[in-house]
Every structure is written in C-alpha cells, then in structure tokens.
PDB file of all heavy atoms in Angstrom:
ATOM      1  N   ASP A   1      32.433 -50.348  -5.660  1.00  0.00           N
ATOM      2  CA  ASP A   1      32.847 -51.729  -5.904  1.00  0.00           C
ATOM      3  C   ASP A   1      32.252 -52.067  -7.374  1.00  0.00           C
ATOM      4  O   ASP A   1      32.843 -52.839  -8.166  1.00  0.00           O
ATOM      5  CB  ASP A   1      32.403 -52.785  -4.820  1.00  0.00           C
ATOM      6  CG  ASP A   1      30.901 -52.872  -4.720  1.00  0.00           C
ATOM      7  OD1 ASP A   1      30.199 -51.787  -4.702  1.00  0.00           O
ATOM      8  OD2 ASP A   1      30.382 -53.963  -4.582  1.00  0.00           O
ATOM      9  N   GLU A   2      31.071 -51.558  -7.729  1.00  0.00           N
ATOM     10  CA  GLU A   2      30.484 -51.760  -9.000  1.00  0.00           C
ATOM     11  C   GLU A   2      31.401 -51.038 -10.117  1.00  0.00           C
ATOM     12  O   GLU A   2      31.642 -51.646 -11.076  1.00  0.00           O
ATOM     13  CB  GLU A   2      29.119 -51.172  -9.086  1.00  0.00           C
ATOM     14  CG  GLU A   2      28.554 -51.106 -10.509  1.00  0.00           C
ATOM     15  CD  GLU A   2      28.260 -52.476 -11.079  1.00  0.00           C
ATOM     16  OE1 GLU A   2      28.240 -53.549 -10.370  1.00  0.00           O
ATOM     17  OE2 GLU A   2      28.101 -52.529 -12.361  1.00  0.00           O
ATOM     18  N   ALA A   3      31.937 -49.907  -9.705  1.00  0.00           N
ATOM     19  CA  ALA A   3      32.743 -49.151 -10.643  1.00  0.00           C
ATOM     20  C   ALA A   3      34.127 -49.964 -10.890  1.00  0.00           C
ATOM     21  O   ALA A   3      34.532 -50.092 -11.990  1.00  0.00           O
ATOM     22  CB  ALA A   3      33.163 -47.728 -10.043  1.00  0.00           C
ATOM     23  N   ARG A   4      34.532 -50.610  -9.792  1.00  0.00           N
ATOM     24  CA  ARG A   4      35.753 -51.396  -9.896  1.00  0.00           C
ATOM     25  C   ARG A   4      35.566 -52.548 -10.829  1.00  0.00           C
ATOM     26  O   ARG A   4      36.332 -52.849 -11.778  1.00  0.00           O
ATOM     27  CB  ARG A   4      36.169 -52.020  -8.509  1.00  0.00           C
ATOM     28  CG  ARG A   4      37.183 -51.178  -7.730  1.00  0.00           C
ATOM     29  CD  ARG A   4      37.381 -51.903  -6.285  1.00  0.00           C
ATOM     30  NE  ARG A   4      37.701 -53.311  -6.498  1.00  0.00           N
ATOM     31  CZ  ARG A   4      38.948 -53.859  -6.748  1.00  0.00           C
ATOM     32  NH1 ARG A   4      39.885 -52.955  -6.731  1.00  0.00           N
ATOM     33  NH2 ARG A   4      39.136 -55.093  -6.849  1.00  0.00           N
ATOM     34  N   ARG A   5      34.453 -53.239 -10.750  1.00  0.00           N
ATOM     35  CA  ARG A   5      34.180 -54.427 -11.593  1.00  0.00           C
ATOM     36  C   ARG A   5      33.943 -53.978 -13.110  1.00  0.00           C
ATOM     37  O   ARG A   5      34.430 -54.610 -13.998  1.00  0.00           O
ATOM     38  CB  ARG A   5      32.872 -55.083 -11.143  1.00  0.00           C
ATOM     39  CG  ARG A   5      33.026 -55.851  -9.845  1.00  0.00           C
ATOM     40  CD  ARG A   5      31.837 -56.765  -9.560  1.00  0.00           C
ATOM     41  NE  ARG A   5      30.580 -56.051  -9.460  1.00  0.00           N
ATOM     42  CZ  ARG A   5      30.142 -55.658  -8.148  1.00  0.00           C
ATOM     43  NH1 ARG A   5      30.897 -55.994  -7.163  1.00  0.00           N
ATOM     44  NH2 ARG A   5      29.038 -55.020  -7.974  1.00  0.00           N
ATOM     45  N   THR A   6      33.304 -52.793 -13.273  1.00  0.00           N
ATOM     46  CA  THR A   6      33.119 -52.319 -14.583  1.00  0.00           C
ATOM     47  C   THR A   6      34.422 -51.943 -15.202  1.00  0.00           C
ATOM     48  O   THR A   6      34.669 -52.287 -16.485  1.00  0.00           O
ATOM     49  CB  THR A   6      32.172 -51.008 -14.465  1.00  0.00           C
ATOM     50  OG1 THR A   6      30.989 -51.324 -13.970  1.00  0.00           O
ATOM     51  CG2 THR A   6      31.946 -50.450 -15.917  1.00  0.00           C
ATOM     52  N   MET A   7      35.318 -51.237 -14.520  1.00  0.00           N
ATOM     53  CA  MET A   7      36.609 -50.829 -15.117  1.00  0.00           C
ATOM     54  C   MET A   7      37.476 -52.123 -15.341  1.00  0.00           C
ATOM     55  O   MET A   7      38.204 -52.082 -16.319  1.00  0.00           O
ATOM     56  CB  MET A   7      37.313 -49.884 -14.154  1.00  0.00           C
ATOM     57  CG  MET A   7      36.662 -48.562 -13.974  1.00  0.00           C
ATOM     58  SD  MET A   7      36.439 -47.629 -15.581  1.00  0.00           S
ATOM     59  CE  MET A   7      34.694 -47.878 -15.907  1.00  0.00           C
ATOM     60  N   LYS A   8      37.441 -53.032 -14.441  1.00  0.00           N
ATOM     61  CA  LYS A   8      38.239 -54.289 -14.658  1.00  0.00           C
ATOM     62  C   LYS A   8      37.804 -54.993 -15.901  1.00  0.00           C
ATOM     63  O   LYS A   8      38.642 -55.376 -16.705  1.00  0.00           O
ATOM     64  CB  LYS A   8      38.122 -55.238 -13.405  1.00  0.00           C
ATOM     65  CG  LYS A   8      39.018 -56.287 -13.412  1.00  0.00           C
ATOM     66  CD  LYS A   8      38.901 -57.131 -12.074  1.00  0.00           C
ATOM     67  CE  LYS A   8      39.806 -58.313 -12.029  1.00  0.00           C
ATOM     68  NZ  LYS A   8      39.731 -59.101 -10.799  1.00  0.00           N
ATOM     69  N   ALA A   9      36.520 -55.059 -16.125  1.00  0.00           N
ATOM     70  CA  ALA A   9      35.981 -55.763 -17.296  1.00  0.00           C
ATOM     71  C   ALA A   9      36.332 -54.979 -18.546  1.00  0.00           C
ATOM     72  O   ALA A   9      36.428 -55.576 -19.625  1.00  0.00           O
ATOM     73  CB  ALA A   9      34.470 -55.835 -17.149  1.00  0.00           C
ATOM     74  N   ALA A  10      36.502 -53.679 -18.502  1.00  0.00           N
ATOM     75  CA  ALA A  10      36.762 -52.820 -19.644  1.00  0.00           C
ATOM     76  C   ALA A  10      38.262 -52.803 -19.993  1.00  0.00           C
ATOM     77  O   ALA A  10      38.698 -52.307 -20.994  1.00  0.00           O
ATOM     78  CB  ALA A  10      36.336 -51.412 -19.437  1.00  0.00           C
ATOM     79  N   GLY A  11      39.072 -53.415 -19.117  1.00  0.00           N
ATOM     80  CA  GLY A  11      40.536 -53.424 -19.306  1.00  0.00           C
ATOM     81  C   GLY A  11      41.307 -52.313 -18.660  1.00  0.00           C
ATOM     82  O   GLY A  11      42.473 -52.137 -18.929  1.00  0.00           O
ATOM     83  N   VAL A  12      40.631 -51.625 -17.830  1.00  0.00           N
ATOM     84  CA  VAL A  12      41.332 -50.494 -17.026  1.00  0.00           C
ATOM     85  C   VAL A  12      41.933 -51.103 -15.836  1.00  0.00           C
ATOM     86  O   VAL A  12      41.239 -51.809 -15.097  1.00  0.00           O
ATOM     87  CB  VAL A  12      40.324 -49.414 -16.661  1.00  0.00           C
ATOM     88  CG1 VAL A  12      40.967 -48.356 -15.844  1.00  0.00           C
ATOM     89  CG2 VAL A  12      39.689 -48.764 -17.930  1.00  0.00           C
ATOM     90  N   PRO A  13      43.251 -50.970 -15.593  1.00  0.00           N
ATOM     91  CA  PRO A  13      43.902 -51.633 -14.388  1.00  0.00           C
ATOM     92  C   PRO A  13      43.327 -51.020 -13.164  1.00  0.00           C
ATOM     93  O   PRO A  13      43.062 -49.938 -12.862  1.00  0.00           O
ATOM     94  CB  PRO A  13      45.373 -51.087 -14.558  1.00  0.00           C
ATOM     95  CG  PRO A  13      45.343 -49.952 -15.474  1.00  0.00           C
ATOM     96  CD  PRO A  13      44.228 -50.141 -16.345  1.00  0.00           C
ATOM     97  N   VAL A  14      42.985 -52.071 -12.186  1.00  0.00           N
ATOM     98  CA  VAL A  14      42.562 -51.699 -10.951  1.00  0.00           C
ATOM     99  C   VAL A  14      43.433 -52.357  -9.786  1.00  0.00           C
ATOM    100  O   VAL A  14      44.237 -53.293 -10.071  1.00  0.00           O
ATOM    101  CB  VAL A  14      41.039 -52.334 -10.771  1.00  0.00           C
ATOM    102  CG1 VAL A  14      40.143 -51.696 -11.708  1.00  0.00           C
ATOM    103  CG2 VAL A  14      41.151 -53.867 -10.890  1.00  0.00           C
ATOM    104  N   VAL A  15      43.337 -51.749  -8.610  1.00  0.00           N
ATOM    105  CA  VAL A  15      44.090 -52.216  -7.429  1.00  0.00           C
ATOM    106  C   VAL A  15      43.622 -53.633  -7.092  1.00  0.00           C
ATOM    107  O   VAL A  15      42.357 -53.860  -7.053  1.00  0.00           O
ATOM    108  CB  VAL A  15      44.039 -51.285  -6.248  1.00  0.00           C
ATOM    109  CG1 VAL A  15      44.798 -51.852  -5.102  1.00  0.00           C
ATOM    110  CG2 VAL A  15      44.519 -49.898  -6.651  1.00  0.00           C
ATOM    111  N   PRO A  16      44.549 -54.614  -6.810  1.00  0.00           N
ATOM    112  CA  PRO A  16      44.056 -55.907  -6.300  1.00  0.00           C
ATOM    113  C   PRO A  16      43.082 -55.786  -5.162  1.00  0.00           C
ATOM    114  O   PRO A  16      43.498 -54.988  -4.214  1.00  0.00           O
ATOM    115  CB  PRO A  16      45.279 -56.720  -6.011  1.00  0.00           C
ATOM    116  CG  PRO A  16      46.382 -55.971  -6.830  1.00  0.00           C
ATOM    117  CD  PRO A  16      45.899 -54.583  -6.897  1.00  0.00           C
ATOM    118  N   GLY A  17      42.003 -56.463  -5.205  1.00  0.00           N
ATOM    119  CA  GLY A  17      41.007 -56.312  -4.085  1.00  0.00           C
ATOM    120  C   GLY A  17      39.833 -57.221  -4.223  1.00  0.00           C
ATOM    121  O   GLY A  17      39.704 -58.041  -5.010  1.00  0.00           O
ATOM    122  N   LEU A  18      38.918 -57.063  -3.256  1.00  0.00           N
ATOM    123  CA  LEU A  18      37.578 -57.770  -3.119  1.00  0.00           C
ATOM    124  C   LEU A  18      36.603 -56.849  -3.414  1.00  0.00           C
ATOM    125  O   LEU A  18      36.397 -55.862  -2.724  1.00  0.00           O
ATOM    126  CB  LEU A  18      37.571 -58.441  -1.762  1.00  0.00           C
ATOM    127  CG  LEU A  18      36.485 -59.516  -1.489  1.00  0.00           C
ATOM    128  CD1 LEU A  18      36.802 -60.777  -2.312  1.00  0.00           C
ATOM    129  CD2 LEU A  18      36.432 -59.819  -0.030  1.00  0.00           C
ATOM    130  N   ASP A  19      35.747 -57.053  -4.374  1.00  0.00           N
ATOM    131  CA  ASP A  19      34.636 -56.214  -4.857  1.00  0.00           C
ATOM    132  C   ASP A  19      33.633 -55.829  -3.777  1.00  0.00           C
ATOM    133  O   ASP A  19      33.227 -54.661  -3.639  1.00  0.00           O
ATOM    134  CB  ASP A  19      33.988 -56.661  -6.099  1.00  0.00           C
ATOM    135  CG  ASP A  19      34.874 -56.720  -7.362  1.00  0.00           C
ATOM    136  OD1 ASP A  19      35.894 -56.001  -7.354  1.00  0.00           O
ATOM    137  OD2 ASP A  19      34.640 -57.613  -8.220  1.00  0.00           O
ATOM    138  N   GLU A  20      33.354 -56.751  -2.940  1.00  0.00           N
ATOM    139  CA  GLU A  20      32.436 -56.443  -1.738  1.00  0.00           C
ATOM    140  C   GLU A  20      32.656 -57.426  -0.569  1.00  0.00           C
ATOM    141  O   GLU A  20      32.837 -58.551  -0.798  1.00  0.00           O
ATOM    142  CB  GLU A  20      30.934 -56.603  -2.309  1.00  0.00           C
ATOM    143  CG  GLU A  20      29.936 -56.306  -1.171  1.00  0.00           C
ATOM    144  CD  GLU A  20      28.447 -56.463  -1.675  1.00  0.00           C
ATOM    145  OE1 GLU A  20      28.285 -56.682  -2.876  1.00  0.00           O
ATOM    146  OE2 GLU A  20      27.592 -56.290  -0.842  1.00  0.00           O
ATOM    147  N   ILE A  21      32.628 -56.853   0.554  1.00  0.00           N
ATOM    148  CA  ILE A  21      32.810 -57.584   1.741  1.00  0.00           C
ATOM    149  C   ILE A  21      31.416 -58.129   2.220  1.00  0.00           C
ATOM    150  O   ILE A  21      30.623 -57.277   2.811  1.00  0.00           O
ATOM    151  CB  ILE A  21      33.523 -56.793   2.922  1.00  0.00           C
ATOM    152  CG1 ILE A  21      34.882 -56.365   2.457  1.00  0.00           C
ATOM    153  CG2 ILE A  21      33.632 -57.614   4.147  1.00  0.00           C
ATOM    154  CD1 ILE A  21      35.549 -55.303   3.389  1.00  0.00           C
ATOM    155  N   THR A  22      31.206 -59.405   2.077  1.00  0.00           N
ATOM    156  CA  THR A  22      29.918 -60.005   2.472  1.00  0.00           C
ATOM    157  C   THR A  22      30.092 -60.979   3.572  1.00  0.00           C
ATOM    158  O   THR A  22      29.236 -61.329   4.259  1.00  0.00           O
ATOM    159  CB  THR A  22      29.211 -60.695   1.249  1.00  0.00           C
ATOM    160  OG1 THR A  22      30.126 -61.641   0.671  1.00  0.00           O
ATOM    161  CG2 THR A  22      28.917 -59.678   0.183  1.00  0.00           C
ATOM    162  N   ASP A  23      31.319 -61.446   3.694  1.00  0.00           N
ATOM    163  CA  ASP A  23      31.654 -62.523   4.716  1.00  0.00           C
ATOM    164  C   ASP A  23      32.936 -62.169   5.399  1.00  0.00           C
ATOM    165  O   ASP A  23      34.064 -62.049   4.642  1.00  0.00           O
ATOM    166  CB  ASP A  23      31.766 -63.869   4.046  1.00  0.00           C
ATOM    167  CG  ASP A  23      32.078 -64.976   5.041  1.00  0.00           C
ATOM    168  OD1 ASP A  23      33.163 -65.005   5.650  1.00  0.00           O
ATOM    169  OD2 ASP A  23      31.120 -65.832   5.340  1.00  0.00           O
ATOM    170  N   ILE A  24      33.001 -61.736   6.642  1.00  0.00           N
ATOM    171  CA  ILE A  24      34.218 -61.299   7.339  1.00  0.00           C
ATOM    172  C   ILE A  24      35.369 -62.267   7.271  1.00  0.00           C
ATOM    173  O   ILE A  24      36.454 -62.021   6.986  1.00  0.00           O
ATOM    174  CB  ILE A  24      33.910 -60.903   8.792  1.00  0.00           C
ATOM    175  CG1 ILE A  24      33.037 -59.720   8.845  1.00  0.00           C
ATOM    176  CG2 ILE A  24      35.212 -60.739   9.603  1.00  0.00           C
ATOM    177  CD1 ILE A  24      33.685 -58.373   8.489  1.00  0.00           C
ATOM    178  N   ALA A  25      35.083 -63.612   7.487  1.00  0.00           N
ATOM    179  CA  ALA A  25      36.091 -64.603   7.500  1.00  0.00           C
ATOM    180  C   ALA A  25      36.649 -64.757   6.133  1.00  0.00           C
ATOM    181  O   ALA A  25      37.959 -64.917   6.038  1.00  0.00           O
ATOM    182  CB  ALA A  25      35.468 -65.926   7.951  1.00  0.00           C
ATOM    183  N   ALA A  26      35.859 -64.790   5.053  1.00  0.00           N
ATOM    184  CA  ALA A  26      36.529 -64.863   3.708  1.00  0.00           C
ATOM    185  C   ALA A  26      37.237 -63.692   3.405  1.00  0.00           C
ATOM    186  O   ALA A  26      38.255 -63.754   2.702  1.00  0.00           O
ATOM    187  CB  ALA A  26      35.249 -65.052   2.691  1.00  0.00           C
ATOM    188  N   ALA A  27      36.717 -62.507   3.773  1.00  0.00           N
ATOM    189  CA  ALA A  27      37.472 -61.227   3.458  1.00  0.00           C
ATOM    190  C   ALA A  27      38.930 -61.210   4.218  1.00  0.00           C
ATOM    191  O   ALA A  27      39.776 -60.837   3.605  1.00  0.00           O
ATOM    192  CB  ALA A  27      36.653 -59.982   3.848  1.00  0.00           C
ATOM    193  N   LYS A  28      38.815 -61.691   5.407  1.00  0.00           N
ATOM    194  CA  LYS A  28      40.098 -61.756   6.166  1.00  0.00           C
ATOM    195  C   LYS A  28      41.049 -62.704   5.553  1.00  0.00           C
ATOM    196  O   LYS A  28      42.299 -62.359   5.470  1.00  0.00           O
ATOM    197  CB  LYS A  28      39.673 -62.201   7.655  1.00  0.00           C
ATOM    198  CG  LYS A  28      40.965 -62.084   8.457  1.00  0.00           C
ATOM    199  CD  LYS A  28      40.670 -62.603   9.978  1.00  0.00           C
ATOM    200  CE  LYS A  28      39.740 -61.637  10.688  1.00  0.00           C
ATOM    201  NZ  LYS A  28      39.522 -62.088  12.131  1.00  0.00           N
ATOM    202  N   LYS A  29      40.562 -63.827   5.031  1.00  0.00           N
ATOM    203  CA  LYS A  29      41.420 -64.808   4.327  1.00  0.00           C
ATOM    204  C   LYS A  29      42.004 -64.095   3.136  1.00  0.00           C
ATOM    205  O   LYS A  29      43.200 -64.294   2.799  1.00  0.00           O
ATOM    206  CB  LYS A  29      40.648 -66.065   3.935  1.00  0.00           C
ATOM    207  CG  LYS A  29      41.454 -67.067   3.260  1.00  0.00           C
ATOM    208  CD  LYS A  29      40.659 -68.338   2.975  1.00  0.00           C
ATOM    209  CE  LYS A  29      41.461 -69.399   2.152  1.00  0.00           C
ATOM    210  NZ  LYS A  29      40.575 -70.552   1.784  1.00  0.00           N
ATOM    211  N   PHE A  30      41.107 -63.374   2.347  1.00  0.00           N
ATOM    212  CA  PHE A  30      41.672 -62.750   1.168  1.00  0.00           C
ATOM    213  C   PHE A  30      42.737 -61.688   1.518  1.00  0.00           C
ATOM    214  O   PHE A  30      43.756 -61.516   0.787  1.00  0.00           O
ATOM    215  CB  PHE A  30      40.466 -62.079   0.393  1.00  0.00           C
ATOM    216  CG  PHE A  30      40.875 -61.380  -0.881  1.00  0.00           C
ATOM    217  CD1 PHE A  30      41.024 -62.120  -2.054  1.00  0.00           C
ATOM    218  CD2 PHE A  30      41.098 -60.061  -0.890  1.00  0.00           C
ATOM    219  CE1 PHE A  30      41.336 -61.536  -3.275  1.00  0.00           C
ATOM    220  CE2 PHE A  30      41.464 -59.393  -2.092  1.00  0.00           C
ATOM    221  CZ  PHE A  30      41.591 -60.137  -3.319  1.00  0.00           C
ATOM    222  N   ALA A  31      42.491 -60.942   2.534  1.00  0.00           N
ATOM    223  CA  ALA A  31      43.505 -59.858   2.963  1.00  0.00           C
ATOM    224  C   ALA A  31      44.785 -60.419   3.306  1.00  0.00           C
ATOM    225  O   ALA A  31      45.882 -60.024   2.973  1.00  0.00           O
ATOM    226  CB  ALA A  31      42.911 -59.194   4.118  1.00  0.00           C
ATOM    227  N   ALA A  32      44.773 -61.671   3.895  1.00  0.00           N
ATOM    228  CA  ALA A  32      46.080 -62.365   4.243  1.00  0.00           C
ATOM    229  C   ALA A  32      46.776 -62.840   2.907  1.00  0.00           C
ATOM    230  O   ALA A  32      47.937 -62.831   2.853  1.00  0.00           O
ATOM    231  CB  ALA A  32      45.770 -63.580   5.139  1.00  0.00           C
ATOM    232  N   GLU A  33      46.041 -63.211   1.933  1.00  0.00           N
ATOM    233  CA  GLU A  33      46.575 -63.669   0.739  1.00  0.00           C
ATOM    234  C   GLU A  33      47.301 -62.554  -0.083  1.00  0.00           C
ATOM    235  O   GLU A  33      48.192 -62.775  -0.562  1.00  0.00           O
ATOM    236  CB  GLU A  33      45.472 -64.280  -0.191  1.00  0.00           C
ATOM    237  CG  GLU A  33      44.977 -65.693   0.396  1.00  0.00           C
ATOM    238  CD  GLU A  33      43.764 -66.204  -0.424  1.00  0.00           C
ATOM    239  OE1 GLU A  33      43.149 -65.444  -1.357  1.00  0.00           O
ATOM    240  OE2 GLU A  33      43.263 -67.331  -0.152  1.00  0.00           O
TER     241      GLU A  33
END
C-alpha cells in the first residue's frame, strides 16, 4: 500500500483502490462505490 501511494504520487497509473483497510465499514462502503 505504501508502494501504491508512492507510485500514484509519482504519476504512475495505479488500480483504483484503498491504500489501507483500517475500518471495515468504511472499506465496505468504498468497495460499493
């Protein structure tokens, strides 16, 4: 997930996603979106 953030900041395309799952409810909401 750190690698994802680093690459995204550098302008390398990354798959849409959530960098770290810290809250199940919030992650589930993001997955639905």
